């Protein structure tokens, strides 16, 4: 019977070094997918990816078959997949348009606050 021991990397210098190495991939993925994930800017996507990687890095097994970069890319791409999937849910879709109070009537037909008082 083989006993498997989970390997957890909790060394802080390793975590910081791994995050700095992954920063280029995070930046590239955020720029690539910003148009495919509604409601997120590239900075939002990058922050989500950093947080996900920071949570998952202690579970990386350096003695495993995958290199750190390969493992990191799998984690990041799966997070992108989940962000895209979740953005398509009904609750995330904008079902109405909004109009700031400062705007005059514009192409969307917003009414300024003075006109609202006149209508009542």
PDB file of N, CA and C in Angstrom:
ATOM      1  N   UNK A   1       0.841  -1.185   0.000  1.00  0.00           N
ATOM      2  CA  UNK A   1       0.000   0.000   0.000  1.00  0.00           C
ATOM      3  C   UNK A   1       0.885   1.247   0.000  1.00  0.00           C
ATOM      4  N   UNK A   2       0.603   2.125  -0.909  1.00  0.00           N
ATOM      5  CA  UNK A   2       1.384   3.348  -1.038  1.00  0.00           C
ATOM      6  C   UNK A   2       0.723   4.469  -0.241  1.00  0.00           C
ATOM      7  N   UNK A   3       1.504   5.176   0.515  1.00  0.00           N
ATOM      8  CA  UNK A   3       0.989   6.291   1.300  1.00  0.00           C
ATOM      9  C   UNK A   3       1.391   7.577   0.586  1.00  0.00           C
ATOM     10  N   UNK A   4       0.422   8.401   0.276  1.00  0.00           N
ATOM     11  CA  UNK A   4       0.694   9.673  -0.381  1.00  0.00           C
ATOM     12  C   UNK A   4       0.600  10.795   0.639  1.00  0.00           C
ATOM     13  N   UNK A   5       1.565  11.643   0.605  1.00  0.00           N
ATOM     14  CA  UNK A   5       1.592  12.783   1.509  1.00  0.00           C
ATOM     15  C   UNK A   5       1.406  14.035   0.670  1.00  0.00           C
ATOM     16  N   UNK A   6       0.477  14.867   1.063  1.00  0.00           N
ATOM     17  CA  UNK A   6       0.288  16.134   0.364  1.00  0.00           C
ATOM     18  C   UNK A   6       1.432  17.066   0.706  1.00  0.00           C
ATOM     19  N   UNK A   7       1.911  17.743  -0.312  1.00  0.00           N
ATOM     20  CA  UNK A   7       3.022  18.676  -0.153  1.00  0.00           C
ATOM     21  C   UNK A   7       2.471  20.090  -0.216  1.00  0.00           C
ATOM     22  N   UNK A   8       2.681  20.845   0.804  1.00  0.00           N
ATOM     23  CA  UNK A   8       2.209  22.224   0.832  1.00  0.00           C
ATOM     24  C   UNK A   8       3.408  23.156   0.888  1.00  0.00           C
ATOM     25  N   UNK A   9       3.445  24.078  -0.037  1.00  0.00           N
ATOM     26  CA  UNK A   9       4.513  25.063  -0.064  1.00  0.00           C
ATOM     27  C   UNK A   9       4.017  26.284   0.704  1.00  0.00           C
ATOM     28  N   UNK A  10       4.605  26.522   1.845  1.00  0.00           N
ATOM     29  CA  UNK A  10       4.178  27.663   2.664  1.00  0.00           C
ATOM     30  C   UNK A  10       5.321  28.626   2.914  1.00  0.00           C
ATOM     31  N   UNK A  11       6.428  28.418   2.276  1.00  0.00           N
ATOM     32  CA  UNK A  11       7.579  29.285   2.440  1.00  0.00           C
ATOM     33  C   UNK A  11       7.280  30.638   1.790  1.00  0.00           C
ATOM     34  N   UNK A  12       7.257  31.709   2.557  1.00  0.00           N
ATOM     35  CA  UNK A  12       6.871  33.021   2.051  1.00  0.00           C
ATOM     36  C   UNK A  12       7.781  33.525   0.920  1.00  0.00           C
ATOM     37  N   UNK A  13       9.097  33.373   0.988  1.00  0.00           N
ATOM     38  CA  UNK A  13       9.910  33.815  -0.158  1.00  0.00           C
ATOM     39  C   UNK A  13       9.552  33.059  -1.447  1.00  0.00           C
ATOM     40  N   UNK A  14       9.221  31.776  -1.329  1.00  0.00           N
ATOM     41  CA  UNK A  14       8.810  31.022  -2.516  1.00  0.00           C
ATOM     42  C   UNK A  14       7.505  31.574  -3.077  1.00  0.00           C
ATOM     43  N   UNK A  15       6.537  31.853  -2.210  1.00  0.00           N
ATOM     44  CA  UNK A  15       5.249  32.379  -2.659  1.00  0.00           C
ATOM     45  C   UNK A  15       5.430  33.721  -3.365  1.00  0.00           C
ATOM     46  N   UNK A  16       6.233  34.585  -2.785  1.00  0.00           N
ATOM     47  CA  UNK A  16       6.456  35.898  -3.398  1.00  0.00           C
ATOM     48  C   UNK A  16       7.201  35.779  -4.730  1.00  0.00           C
ATOM     49  N   UNK A  17       8.175  34.879  -4.800  1.00  0.00           N
ATOM     50  CA  UNK A  17       8.911  34.683  -6.041  1.00  0.00           C
ATOM     51  C   UNK A  17       8.000  34.101  -7.121  1.00  0.00           C
ATOM     52  N   UNK A  18       7.152  33.154  -6.739  1.00  0.00           N
ATOM     53  CA  UNK A  18       6.235  32.546  -7.705  1.00  0.00           C
ATOM     54  C   UNK A  18       5.230  33.573  -8.218  1.00  0.00           C
ATOM     55  N   UNK A  19       4.749  34.438  -7.343  1.00  0.00           N
ATOM     56  CA  UNK A  19       3.808  35.474  -7.768  1.00  0.00           C
ATOM     57  C   UNK A  19       4.477  36.462  -8.719  1.00  0.00           C
ATOM     58  N   UNK A  20       5.726  36.806  -8.459  1.00  0.00           N
ATOM     59  CA  UNK A  20       6.403  37.748  -9.350  1.00  0.00           C
ATOM     60  C   UNK A  20       6.698  37.114 -10.704  1.00  0.00           C
ATOM     61  N   UNK A  21       6.997  35.813 -10.732  1.00  0.00           N
ATOM     62  CA  UNK A  21       7.219  35.122 -12.001  1.00  0.00           C
ATOM     63  C   UNK A  21       5.909  35.036 -12.790  1.00  0.00           C
ATOM     64  N   UNK A  22       4.785  34.834 -12.115  1.00  0.00           N
ATOM     65  CA  UNK A  22       3.490  34.673 -12.780  1.00  0.00           C
ATOM     66  C   UNK A  22       2.879  36.001 -13.205  1.00  0.00           C
ATOM     67  N   UNK A  23       3.432  37.113 -12.775  1.00  0.00           N
ATOM     68  CA  UNK A  23       2.834  38.420 -13.053  1.00  0.00           C
ATOM     69  C   UNK A  23       2.706  38.680 -14.554  1.00  0.00           C
ATOM     70  N   UNK A  24       3.693  38.275 -15.342  1.00  0.00           N
ATOM     71  CA  UNK A  24       3.631  38.472 -16.791  1.00  0.00           C
ATOM     72  C   UNK A  24       2.444  37.709 -17.385  1.00  0.00           C
ATOM     73  N   UNK A  25       2.276  36.445 -16.980  1.00  0.00           N
ATOM     74  CA  UNK A  25       1.153  35.644 -17.485  1.00  0.00           C
ATOM     75  C   UNK A  25      -0.188  36.220 -17.040  1.00  0.00           C
ATOM     76  N   UNK A  26      -0.256  36.707 -15.822  1.00  0.00           N
ATOM     77  CA  UNK A  26      -1.491  37.318 -15.316  1.00  0.00           C
ATOM     78  C   UNK A  26      -1.840  38.540 -16.164  1.00  0.00           C
ATOM     79  N   UNK A  27      -0.853  39.376 -16.425  1.00  0.00           N
ATOM     80  CA  UNK A  27      -1.065  40.589 -17.221  1.00  0.00           C
ATOM     81  C   UNK A  27      -1.531  40.241 -18.635  1.00  0.00           C
ATOM     82  N   UNK A  28      -0.889  39.265 -19.268  1.00  0.00           N
ATOM     83  CA  UNK A  28      -1.254  38.877 -20.628  1.00  0.00           C
ATOM     84  C   UNK A  28      -2.661  38.285 -20.694  1.00  0.00           C
ATOM     85  N   UNK A  29      -3.011  37.424 -19.750  1.00  0.00           N
ATOM     86  CA  UNK A  29      -4.353  36.833 -19.741  1.00  0.00           C
ATOM     87  C   UNK A  29      -5.421  37.899 -19.477  1.00  0.00           C
ATOM     88  N   UNK A  30      -5.134  38.827 -18.590  1.00  0.00           N
ATOM     89  CA  UNK A  30      -6.107  39.882 -18.289  1.00  0.00           C
ATOM     90  C   UNK A  30      -6.371  40.748 -19.516  1.00  0.00           C
ATOM     91  N   UNK A  31      -5.327  41.094 -20.234  1.00  0.00           N
ATOM     92  CA  UNK A  31      -5.504  41.896 -21.451  1.00  0.00           C
ATOM     93  C   UNK A  31      -6.237  41.105 -22.539  1.00  0.00           C
ATOM     94  N   UNK A  32      -5.923  39.836 -22.649  1.00  0.00           N
ATOM     95  CA  UNK A  32      -6.519  39.011 -23.694  1.00  0.00           C
ATOM     96  C   UNK A  32      -8.019  38.803 -23.483  1.00  0.00           C
ATOM     97  N   UNK A  33      -8.437  38.607 -22.239  1.00  0.00           N
ATOM     98  CA  UNK A  33      -9.821  38.239 -21.968  1.00  0.00           C
ATOM     99  C   UNK A  33     -10.698  39.384 -21.480  1.00  0.00           C
ATOM    100  N   UNK A  34     -10.199  40.609 -21.433  1.00  0.00           N
ATOM    101  CA  UNK A  34     -11.017  41.709 -20.909  1.00  0.00           C
ATOM    102  C   UNK A  34     -12.254  41.964 -21.759  1.00  0.00           C
ATOM    103  N   UNK A  35     -12.185  41.695 -23.050  1.00  0.00           N
ATOM    104  CA  UNK A  35     -13.359  41.920 -23.906  1.00  0.00           C
ATOM    105  C   UNK A  35     -14.350  40.765 -23.840  1.00  0.00           C
ATOM    106  N   UNK A  36     -13.932  39.626 -23.320  1.00  0.00           N
ATOM    107  CA  UNK A  36     -14.806  38.453 -23.271  1.00  0.00           C
ATOM    108  C   UNK A  36     -15.543  38.307 -21.952  1.00  0.00           C
ATOM    109  N   UNK A  37     -15.180  39.112 -20.970  1.00  0.00           N
ATOM    110  CA  UNK A  37     -15.811  39.008 -19.649  1.00  0.00           C
ATOM    111  C   UNK A  37     -16.484  40.341 -19.356  1.00  0.00           C
ATOM    112  N   UNK A  38     -17.796  40.448 -19.598  1.00  0.00           N
ATOM    113  CA  UNK A  38     -18.480  41.724 -19.372  1.00  0.00           C
ATOM    114  C   UNK A  38     -18.488  42.110 -17.893  1.00  0.00           C
ATOM    115  N   UNK A  39     -18.335  43.386 -17.649  1.00  0.00           N
ATOM    116  CA  UNK A  39     -18.361  43.884 -16.280  1.00  0.00           C
ATOM    117  C   UNK A  39     -16.999  43.892 -15.606  1.00  0.00           C
ATOM    118  N   UNK A  40     -15.964  43.424 -16.289  1.00  0.00           N
ATOM    119  CA  UNK A  40     -14.620  43.383 -15.725  1.00  0.00           C
ATOM    120  C   UNK A  40     -13.666  44.161 -16.621  1.00  0.00           C
ATOM    121  N   UNK A  41     -12.822  44.951 -16.011  1.00  0.00           N
ATOM    122  CA  UNK A  41     -11.733  45.593 -16.746  1.00  0.00           C
ATOM    123  C   UNK A  41     -10.516  44.670 -16.656  1.00  0.00           C
ATOM    124  N   UNK A  42      -9.465  45.016 -17.366  1.00  0.00           N
ATOM    125  CA  UNK A  42      -8.248  44.201 -17.315  1.00  0.00           C
ATOM    126  C   UNK A  42      -7.670  44.183 -15.894  1.00  0.00           C
ATOM    127  N   UNK A  43      -7.761  45.311 -15.190  1.00  0.00           N
ATOM    128  CA  UNK A  43      -7.251  45.367 -13.814  1.00  0.00           C
ATOM    129  C   UNK A  43      -8.066  44.471 -12.885  1.00  0.00           C
ATOM    130  N   UNK A  44      -9.393  44.418 -13.089  1.00  0.00           N
ATOM    131  CA  UNK A  44     -10.243  43.551 -12.278  1.00  0.00           C
ATOM    132  C   UNK A  44      -9.889  42.083 -12.496  1.00  0.00           C
ATOM    133  N   UNK A  45      -9.697  41.721 -13.759  1.00  0.00           N
ATOM    134  CA  UNK A  45      -9.359  40.335 -14.076  1.00  0.00           C
ATOM    135  C   UNK A  45      -7.998  39.978 -13.486  1.00  0.00           C
ATOM    136  N   UNK A  46      -7.031  40.882 -13.620  1.00  0.00           N
ATOM    137  CA  UNK A  46      -5.700  40.625 -13.070  1.00  0.00           C
ATOM    138  C   UNK A  46      -5.762  40.442 -11.562  1.00  0.00           C
ATOM    139  N   UNK A  47      -6.563  41.248 -10.883  1.00  0.00           N
ATOM    140  CA  UNK A  47      -6.684  41.117  -9.428  1.00  0.00           C
ATOM    141  C   UNK A  47      -7.333  39.793  -9.049  1.00  0.00           C
ATOM    142  N   UNK A  48      -8.355  39.373  -9.778  1.00  0.00           N
ATOM    143  CA  UNK A  48      -8.990  38.067  -9.526  1.00  0.00           C
ATOM    144  C   UNK A  48      -7.982  36.935  -9.726  1.00  0.00           C
ATOM    145  N   UNK A  49      -7.161  37.041 -10.768  1.00  0.00           N
ATOM    146  CA  UNK A  49      -6.172  35.997 -11.050  1.00  0.00           C
ATOM    147  C   UNK A  49      -5.092  35.962  -9.974  1.00  0.00           C
ATOM    148  N   UNK A  50      -4.641  37.134  -9.531  1.00  0.00           N
ATOM    149  CA  UNK A  50      -3.633  37.175  -8.465  1.00  0.00           C
ATOM    150  C   UNK A  50      -4.160  36.534  -7.187  1.00  0.00           C
ATOM    151  N   UNK A  51      -5.389  36.864  -6.842  1.00  0.00           N
ATOM    152  CA  UNK A  51      -5.976  36.325  -5.616  1.00  0.00           C
ATOM    153  C   UNK A  51      -6.139  34.810  -5.719  1.00  0.00           C
ATOM    154  N   UNK A  52      -6.603  34.331  -6.863  1.00  0.00           N
ATOM    155  CA  UNK A  52      -6.773  32.888  -7.048  1.00  0.00           C
ATOM    156  C   UNK A  52      -5.433  32.166  -6.953  1.00  0.00           C
ATOM    157  N   UNK A  53      -4.419  32.716  -7.576  1.00  0.00           N
ATOM    158  CA  UNK A  53      -3.096  32.091  -7.533  1.00  0.00           C
ATOM    159  C   UNK A  53      -2.526  32.114  -6.121  1.00  0.00           C
ATOM    160  N   UNK A  54      -2.730  33.213  -5.419  1.00  0.00           N
ATOM    161  CA  UNK A  54      -2.238  33.318  -4.040  1.00  0.00           C
ATOM    162  C   UNK A  54      -2.897  32.261  -3.152  1.00  0.00           C
ATOM    163  N   UNK A  55      -4.183  31.974  -3.394  1.00  0.00           N
ATOM    164  CA  UNK A  55      -4.872  30.942  -2.618  1.00  0.00           C
ATOM    165  C   UNK A  55      -4.373  29.546  -2.968  1.00  0.00           C
ATOM    166  N   UNK A  56      -4.073  29.302  -4.256  1.00  0.00           N
ATOM    167  CA  UNK A  56      -3.732  27.957  -4.716  1.00  0.00           C
ATOM    168  C   UNK A  56      -2.249  27.616  -4.613  1.00  0.00           C
ATOM    169  N   UNK A  57      -1.365  28.604  -4.548  1.00  0.00           N
ATOM    170  CA  UNK A  57       0.072  28.326  -4.542  1.00  0.00           C
ATOM    171  C   UNK A  57       0.531  27.406  -3.407  1.00  0.00           C
ATOM    172  N   UNK A  58      -0.009  27.483  -2.211  1.00  0.00           N
ATOM    173  CA  UNK A  58       0.445  26.547  -1.177  1.00  0.00           C
ATOM    174  C   UNK A  58       0.185  25.077  -1.523  1.00  0.00           C
ATOM    175  N   UNK A  59      -0.685  24.809  -2.487  1.00  0.00           N
ATOM    176  CA  UNK A  59      -0.976  23.428  -2.864  1.00  0.00           C
ATOM    177  C   UNK A  59      -0.076  22.914  -3.984  1.00  0.00           C
ATOM    178  N   UNK A  60       0.819  23.763  -4.478  1.00  0.00           N
ATOM    179  CA  UNK A  60       1.724  23.349  -5.550  1.00  0.00           C
ATOM    180  C   UNK A  60       2.719  22.328  -5.016  1.00  0.00           C
ATOM    181  N   UNK A  61       2.914  21.264  -5.797  1.00  0.00           N
ATOM    182  CA  UNK A  61       3.848  20.214  -5.430  1.00  0.00           C
ATOM    183  C   UNK A  61       5.097  20.330  -6.307  1.00  0.00           C
ATOM    184  N   UNK A  62       6.211  20.825  -5.759  1.00  0.00           N
ATOM    185  CA  UNK A  62       7.404  20.985  -6.582  1.00  0.00           C
ATOM    186  C   UNK A  62       8.017  19.664  -7.022  1.00  0.00           C
ATOM    187  N   UNK A  63       7.691  18.568  -6.357  1.00  0.00           N
ATOM    188  CA  UNK A  63       8.226  17.272  -6.753  1.00  0.00           C
ATOM    189  C   UNK A  63       7.328  16.580  -7.773  1.00  0.00           C
ATOM    190  N   UNK A  64       6.246  17.230  -8.164  1.00  0.00           N
ATOM    191  CA  UNK A  64       5.324  16.654  -9.143  1.00  0.00           C
ATOM    192  C   UNK A  64       5.869  16.759 -10.551  1.00  0.00           C
ATOM    193  N   UNK A  65       5.052  16.353 -11.507  1.00  0.00           N
ATOM    194  CA  UNK A  65       5.505  16.320 -12.895  1.00  0.00           C
ATOM    195  C   UNK A  65       5.390  17.682 -13.585  1.00  0.00           C
ATOM    196  N   UNK A  66       4.542  18.561 -13.100  1.00  0.00           N
ATOM    197  CA  UNK A  66       4.337  19.855 -13.758  1.00  0.00           C
ATOM    198  C   UNK A  66       5.303  20.898 -13.207  1.00  0.00           C
ATOM    199  N   UNK A  67       5.823  21.712 -14.115  1.00  0.00           N
ATOM    200  CA  UNK A  67       6.659  22.822 -13.666  1.00  0.00           C
ATOM    201  C   UNK A  67       5.769  23.882 -13.026  1.00  0.00           C
ATOM    202  N   UNK A  68       6.378  24.815 -12.349  1.00  0.00           N
ATOM    203  CA  UNK A  68       5.609  25.871 -11.683  1.00  0.00           C
ATOM    204  C   UNK A  68       4.815  26.687 -12.694  1.00  0.00           C
ATOM    205  N   UNK A  69       5.420  27.024 -13.821  1.00  0.00           N
ATOM    206  CA  UNK A  69       4.729  27.843 -14.817  1.00  0.00           C
ATOM    207  C   UNK A  69       3.549  27.087 -15.429  1.00  0.00           C
ATOM    208  N   UNK A  70       3.741  25.813 -15.745  1.00  0.00           N
ATOM    209  CA  UNK A  70       2.650  25.014 -16.303  1.00  0.00           C
ATOM    210  C   UNK A  70       1.499  24.922 -15.316  1.00  0.00           C
ATOM    211  N   UNK A  71       1.798  24.642 -14.063  1.00  0.00           N
ATOM    212  CA  UNK A  71       0.772  24.533 -13.035  1.00  0.00           C
ATOM    213  C   UNK A  71       0.055  25.871 -12.847  1.00  0.00           C
ATOM    214  N   UNK A  72       0.827  26.947 -12.859  1.00  0.00           N
ATOM    215  CA  UNK A  72       0.254  28.286 -12.713  1.00  0.00           C
ATOM    216  C   UNK A  72      -0.702  28.603 -13.850  1.00  0.00           C
ATOM    217  N   UNK A  73      -0.299  28.297 -15.085  1.00  0.00           N
ATOM    218  CA  UNK A  73      -1.158  28.578 -16.237  1.00  0.00           C
ATOM    219  C   UNK A  73      -2.450  27.777 -16.186  1.00  0.00           C
ATOM    220  N   UNK A  74      -2.387  26.560 -15.701  1.00  0.00           N
ATOM    221  CA  UNK A  74      -3.616  25.757 -15.562  1.00  0.00           C
ATOM    222  C   UNK A  74      -4.557  26.408 -14.555  1.00  0.00           C
ATOM    223  N   UNK A  75      -4.025  26.834 -13.431  1.00  0.00           N
ATOM    224  CA  UNK A  75      -4.841  27.503 -12.403  1.00  0.00           C
ATOM    225  C   UNK A  75      -5.454  28.789 -12.950  1.00  0.00           C
ATOM    226  N   UNK A  76      -4.641  29.591 -13.636  1.00  0.00           N
ATOM    227  CA  UNK A  76      -5.124  30.871 -14.155  1.00  0.00           C
ATOM    228  C   UNK A  76      -6.164  30.682 -15.257  1.00  0.00           C
ATOM    229  N   UNK A  77      -5.938  29.741 -16.152  1.00  0.00           N
ATOM    230  CA  UNK A  77      -6.898  29.518 -17.236  1.00  0.00           C
ATOM    231  C   UNK A  77      -8.219  28.978 -16.714  1.00  0.00           C
ATOM    232  N   UNK A  78      -8.168  28.141 -15.679  1.00  0.00           N
ATOM    233  CA  UNK A  78      -9.415  27.653 -15.107  1.00  0.00           C
ATOM    234  C   UNK A  78     -10.182  28.790 -14.429  1.00  0.00           C
ATOM    235  N   UNK A  79      -9.472  29.713 -13.809  1.00  0.00           N
ATOM    236  CA  UNK A  79     -10.133  30.873 -13.198  1.00  0.00           C
ATOM    237  C   UNK A  79     -10.774  31.751 -14.273  1.00  0.00           C
ATOM    238  N   UNK A  80     -10.086  31.948 -15.401  1.00  0.00           N
ATOM    239  CA  UNK A  80     -10.661  32.693 -16.525  1.00  0.00           C
ATOM    240  C   UNK A  80     -11.929  31.999 -17.004  1.00  0.00           C
ATOM    241  N   UNK A  81     -11.882  30.680 -17.133  1.00  0.00           N
ATOM    242  CA  UNK A  81     -13.062  29.918 -17.558  1.00  0.00           C
ATOM    243  C   UNK A  81     -14.235  30.166 -16.606  1.00  0.00           C
ATOM    244  N   UNK A  82     -13.966  30.126 -15.298  1.00  0.00           N
ATOM    245  CA  UNK A  82     -15.046  30.349 -14.327  1.00  0.00           C
ATOM    246  C   UNK A  82     -15.569  31.775 -14.377  1.00  0.00           C
ATOM    247  N   UNK A  83     -14.682  32.752 -14.575  1.00  0.00           N
ATOM    248  CA  UNK A  83     -15.140  34.144 -14.696  1.00  0.00           C
ATOM    249  C   UNK A  83     -16.028  34.320 -15.916  1.00  0.00           C
ATOM    250  N   UNK A  84     -15.643  33.724 -17.035  1.00  0.00           N
ATOM    251  CA  UNK A  84     -16.464  33.823 -18.255  1.00  0.00           C
ATOM    252  C   UNK A  84     -17.807  33.132 -18.054  1.00  0.00           C
ATOM    253  N   UNK A  85     -17.787  31.959 -17.442  1.00  0.00           N
ATOM    254  CA  UNK A  85     -19.029  31.220 -17.196  1.00  0.00           C
ATOM    255  C   UNK A  85     -19.946  32.015 -16.268  1.00  0.00           C
ATOM    256  N   UNK A  86     -19.399  32.541 -15.198  1.00  0.00           N
ATOM    257  CA  UNK A  86     -20.218  33.263 -14.223  1.00  0.00           C
ATOM    258  C   UNK A  86     -20.735  34.588 -14.767  1.00  0.00           C
ATOM    259  N   UNK A  87     -20.005  35.194 -15.705  1.00  0.00           N
ATOM    260  CA  UNK A  87     -20.455  36.475 -16.256  1.00  0.00           C
ATOM    261  C   UNK A  87     -21.681  36.307 -17.145  1.00  0.00           C
ATOM    262  N   UNK A  88     -21.941  35.103 -17.596  1.00  0.00           N
ATOM    263  CA  UNK A  88     -23.087  34.855 -18.468  1.00  0.00           C
ATOM    264  C   UNK A  88     -24.362  34.551 -17.688  1.00  0.00           C
ATOM    265  N   UNK A  89     -24.267  34.494 -16.400  1.00  0.00           N
ATOM    266  CA  UNK A  89     -25.454  34.235 -15.586  1.00  0.00           C
ATOM    267  C   UNK A  89     -26.403  35.415 -15.652  1.00  0.00           C
ATOM    268  N   UNK A  90     -27.656  35.150 -15.459  1.00  0.00           N
ATOM    269  CA  UNK A  90     -28.703  36.154 -15.589  1.00  0.00           C
ATOM    270  C   UNK A  90     -28.490  37.325 -14.640  1.00  0.00           C
ATOM    271  N   UNK A  91     -28.071  37.062 -13.423  1.00  0.00           N
ATOM    272  CA  UNK A  91     -27.936  38.142 -12.445  1.00  0.00           C
ATOM    273  C   UNK A  91     -26.805  39.110 -12.772  1.00  0.00           C
ATOM    274  N   UNK A  92     -25.841  38.714 -13.601  1.00  0.00           N
ATOM    275  CA  UNK A  92     -24.729  39.586 -13.941  1.00  0.00           C
ATOM    276  C   UNK A  92     -25.021  40.486 -15.137  1.00  0.00           C
ATOM    277  N   UNK A  93     -26.082  40.184 -15.874  1.00  0.00           N
ATOM    278  CA  UNK A  93     -26.390  40.930 -17.084  1.00  0.00           C
ATOM    279  C   UNK A  93     -27.110  42.225 -16.709  1.00  0.00           C
ATOM    280  N   UNK A  94     -26.756  43.317 -17.354  1.00  0.00           N
ATOM    281  CA  UNK A  94     -27.415  44.592 -17.111  1.00  0.00           C
ATOM    282  C   UNK A  94     -28.731  44.592 -17.889  1.00  0.00           C
ATOM    283  N   UNK A  95     -29.849  44.733 -17.189  1.00  0.00           N
ATOM    284  CA  UNK A  95     -31.162  44.670 -17.821  1.00  0.00           C
ATOM    285  C   UNK A  95     -31.791  46.048 -18.015  1.00  0.00           C
ATOM    286  N   UNK A  96     -31.110  47.079 -17.621  1.00  0.00           N
ATOM    287  CA  UNK A  96     -31.650  48.430 -17.767  1.00  0.00           C
ATOM    288  C   UNK A  96     -30.492  49.399 -17.922  1.00  0.00           C
ATOM    289  N   UNK A  97     -30.792  50.551 -18.413  1.00  0.00           N
ATOM    290  CA  UNK A  97     -29.751  51.565 -18.518  1.00  0.00           C
ATOM    291  C   UNK A  97     -29.910  52.556 -17.366  1.00  0.00           C
ATOM    292  N   UNK A  98     -28.815  53.151 -16.984  1.00  0.00           N
ATOM    293  CA  UNK A  98     -28.841  54.137 -15.906  1.00  0.00           C
ATOM    294  C   UNK A  98     -28.463  55.489 -16.474  1.00  0.00           C
ATOM    295  N   UNK A  99     -28.846  56.529 -15.758  1.00  0.00           N
ATOM    296  CA  UNK A  99     -28.556  57.881 -16.203  1.00  0.00           C
ATOM    297  C   UNK A  99     -28.050  58.672 -15.009  1.00  0.00           C
ATOM    298  N   UNK A 100     -26.858  59.235 -15.092  1.00  0.00           N
ATOM    299  CA  UNK A 100     -26.374  60.057 -13.986  1.00  0.00           C
ATOM    300  C   UNK A 100     -27.197  61.338 -13.859  1.00  0.00           C
ATOM    301  N   UNK A 101     -27.245  61.882 -12.658  1.00  0.00           N
ATOM    302  CA  UNK A 101     -28.036  63.077 -12.409  1.00  0.00           C
ATOM    303  C   UNK A 101     -27.502  64.297 -13.151  1.00  0.00           C
ATOM    304  N   UNK A 102     -26.193  64.346 -13.368  1.00  0.00           N
ATOM    305  CA  UNK A 102     -25.609  65.528 -13.992  1.00  0.00           C
ATOM    306  C   UNK A 102     -25.933  65.630 -15.472  1.00  0.00           C
ATOM    307  N   UNK A 103     -26.265  64.521 -16.108  1.00  0.00           N
ATOM    308  CA  UNK A 103     -26.466  64.533 -17.557  1.00  0.00           C
ATOM    309  C   UNK A 103     -27.730  65.276 -17.960  1.00  0.00           C
ATOM    310  N   UNK A 104     -27.637  65.936 -19.060  1.00  0.00           N
ATOM    311  CA  UNK A 104     -28.820  66.497 -19.703  1.00  0.00           C
ATOM    312  C   UNK A 104     -29.433  65.354 -20.501  1.00  0.00           C
ATOM    313  N   UNK A 105     -30.506  65.634 -21.183  1.00  0.00           N
ATOM    314  CA  UNK A 105     -31.106  64.582 -21.997  1.00  0.00           C
ATOM    315  C   UNK A 105     -30.103  64.182 -23.073  1.00  0.00           C
ATOM    316  N   UNK A 106     -29.834  62.905 -23.158  1.00  0.00           N
ATOM    317  CA  UNK A 106     -28.856  62.443 -24.136  1.00  0.00           C
ATOM    318  C   UNK A 106     -29.495  61.402 -25.053  1.00  0.00           C
ATOM    319  N   UNK A 107     -28.661  60.678 -25.800  1.00  0.00           N
ATOM    320  CA  UNK A 107     -29.190  59.742 -26.792  1.00  0.00           C
ATOM    321  C   UNK A 107     -29.999  58.600 -26.173  1.00  0.00           C
ATOM    322  N   UNK A 108     -29.807  58.320 -24.878  1.00  0.00           N
ATOM    323  CA  UNK A 108     -30.600  57.268 -24.248  1.00  0.00           C
ATOM    324  C   UNK A 108     -31.921  57.795 -23.710  1.00  0.00           C
ATOM    325  N   UNK A 109     -32.129  59.093 -23.790  1.00  0.00           N
ATOM    326  CA  UNK A 109     -33.387  59.669 -23.334  1.00  0.00           C
ATOM    327  C   UNK A 109     -33.440  59.943 -21.853  1.00  0.00           C
ATOM    328  N   UNK A 110     -32.293  60.115 -21.219  1.00  0.00           N
ATOM    329  CA  UNK A 110     -32.274  60.417 -19.792  1.00  0.00           C
ATOM    330  C   UNK A 110     -32.902  61.780 -19.537  1.00  0.00           C
ATOM    331  N   UNK A 111     -33.568  61.892 -18.428  1.00  0.00           N
ATOM    332  CA  UNK A 111     -34.209  63.140 -18.053  1.00  0.00           C
ATOM    333  C   UNK A 111     -33.453  63.718 -16.871  1.00  0.00           C
ATOM    334  N   UNK A 112     -33.112  64.985 -16.938  1.00  0.00           N
ATOM    335  CA  UNK A 112     -32.395  65.595 -15.830  1.00  0.00           C
ATOM    336  C   UNK A 112     -33.353  65.801 -14.665  1.00  0.00           C
ATOM    337  N   UNK A 113     -32.803  66.013 -13.485  1.00  0.00           N
ATOM    338  CA  UNK A 113     -33.608  66.064 -12.273  1.00  0.00           C
ATOM    339  C   UNK A 113     -34.638  67.200 -12.294  1.00  0.00           C
ATOM    340  N   UNK A 114     -34.346  68.358 -12.928  1.00  0.00           N
ATOM    341  CA  UNK A 114     -35.304  69.453 -12.997  1.00  0.00           C
ATOM    342  C   UNK A 114     -36.560  69.030 -13.764  1.00  0.00           C
ATOM    343  N   UNK A 115     -36.375  68.294 -14.840  1.00  0.00           N
ATOM    344  CA  UNK A 115     -37.518  67.822 -15.606  1.00  0.00           C
ATOM    345  C   UNK A 115     -38.362  66.825 -14.829  1.00  0.00           C
ATOM    346  N   UNK A 116     -37.733  66.047 -13.957  1.00  0.00           N
ATOM    347  CA  UNK A 116     -38.485  65.106 -13.134  1.00  0.00           C
ATOM    348  C   UNK A 116     -39.401  65.848 -12.180  1.00  0.00           C
ATOM    349  N   UNK A 117     -38.922  66.945 -11.605  1.00  0.00           N
ATOM    350  CA  UNK A 117     -39.751  67.714 -10.678  1.00  0.00           C
ATOM    351  C   UNK A 117     -40.913  68.384 -11.409  1.00  0.00           C
ATOM    352  N   UNK A 118     -40.695  68.802 -12.639  1.00  0.00           N
ATOM    353  CA  UNK A 118     -41.753  69.428 -13.416  1.00  0.00           C
ATOM    354  C   UNK A 118     -42.838  68.418 -13.785  1.00  0.00           C
ATOM    355  N   UNK A 119     -42.459  67.143 -13.975  1.00  0.00           N
ATOM    356  CA  UNK A 119     -43.432  66.129 -14.349  1.00  0.00           C
ATOM    357  C   UNK A 119     -44.359  65.738 -13.209  1.00  0.00           C
ATOM    358  N   UNK A 120     -43.895  65.877 -11.962  1.00  0.00           N
ATOM    359  CA  UNK A 120     -44.707  65.447 -10.826  1.00  0.00           C
ATOM    360  C   UNK A 120     -45.697  66.488 -10.391  1.00  0.00           C
TER     361      UNK A 120
END
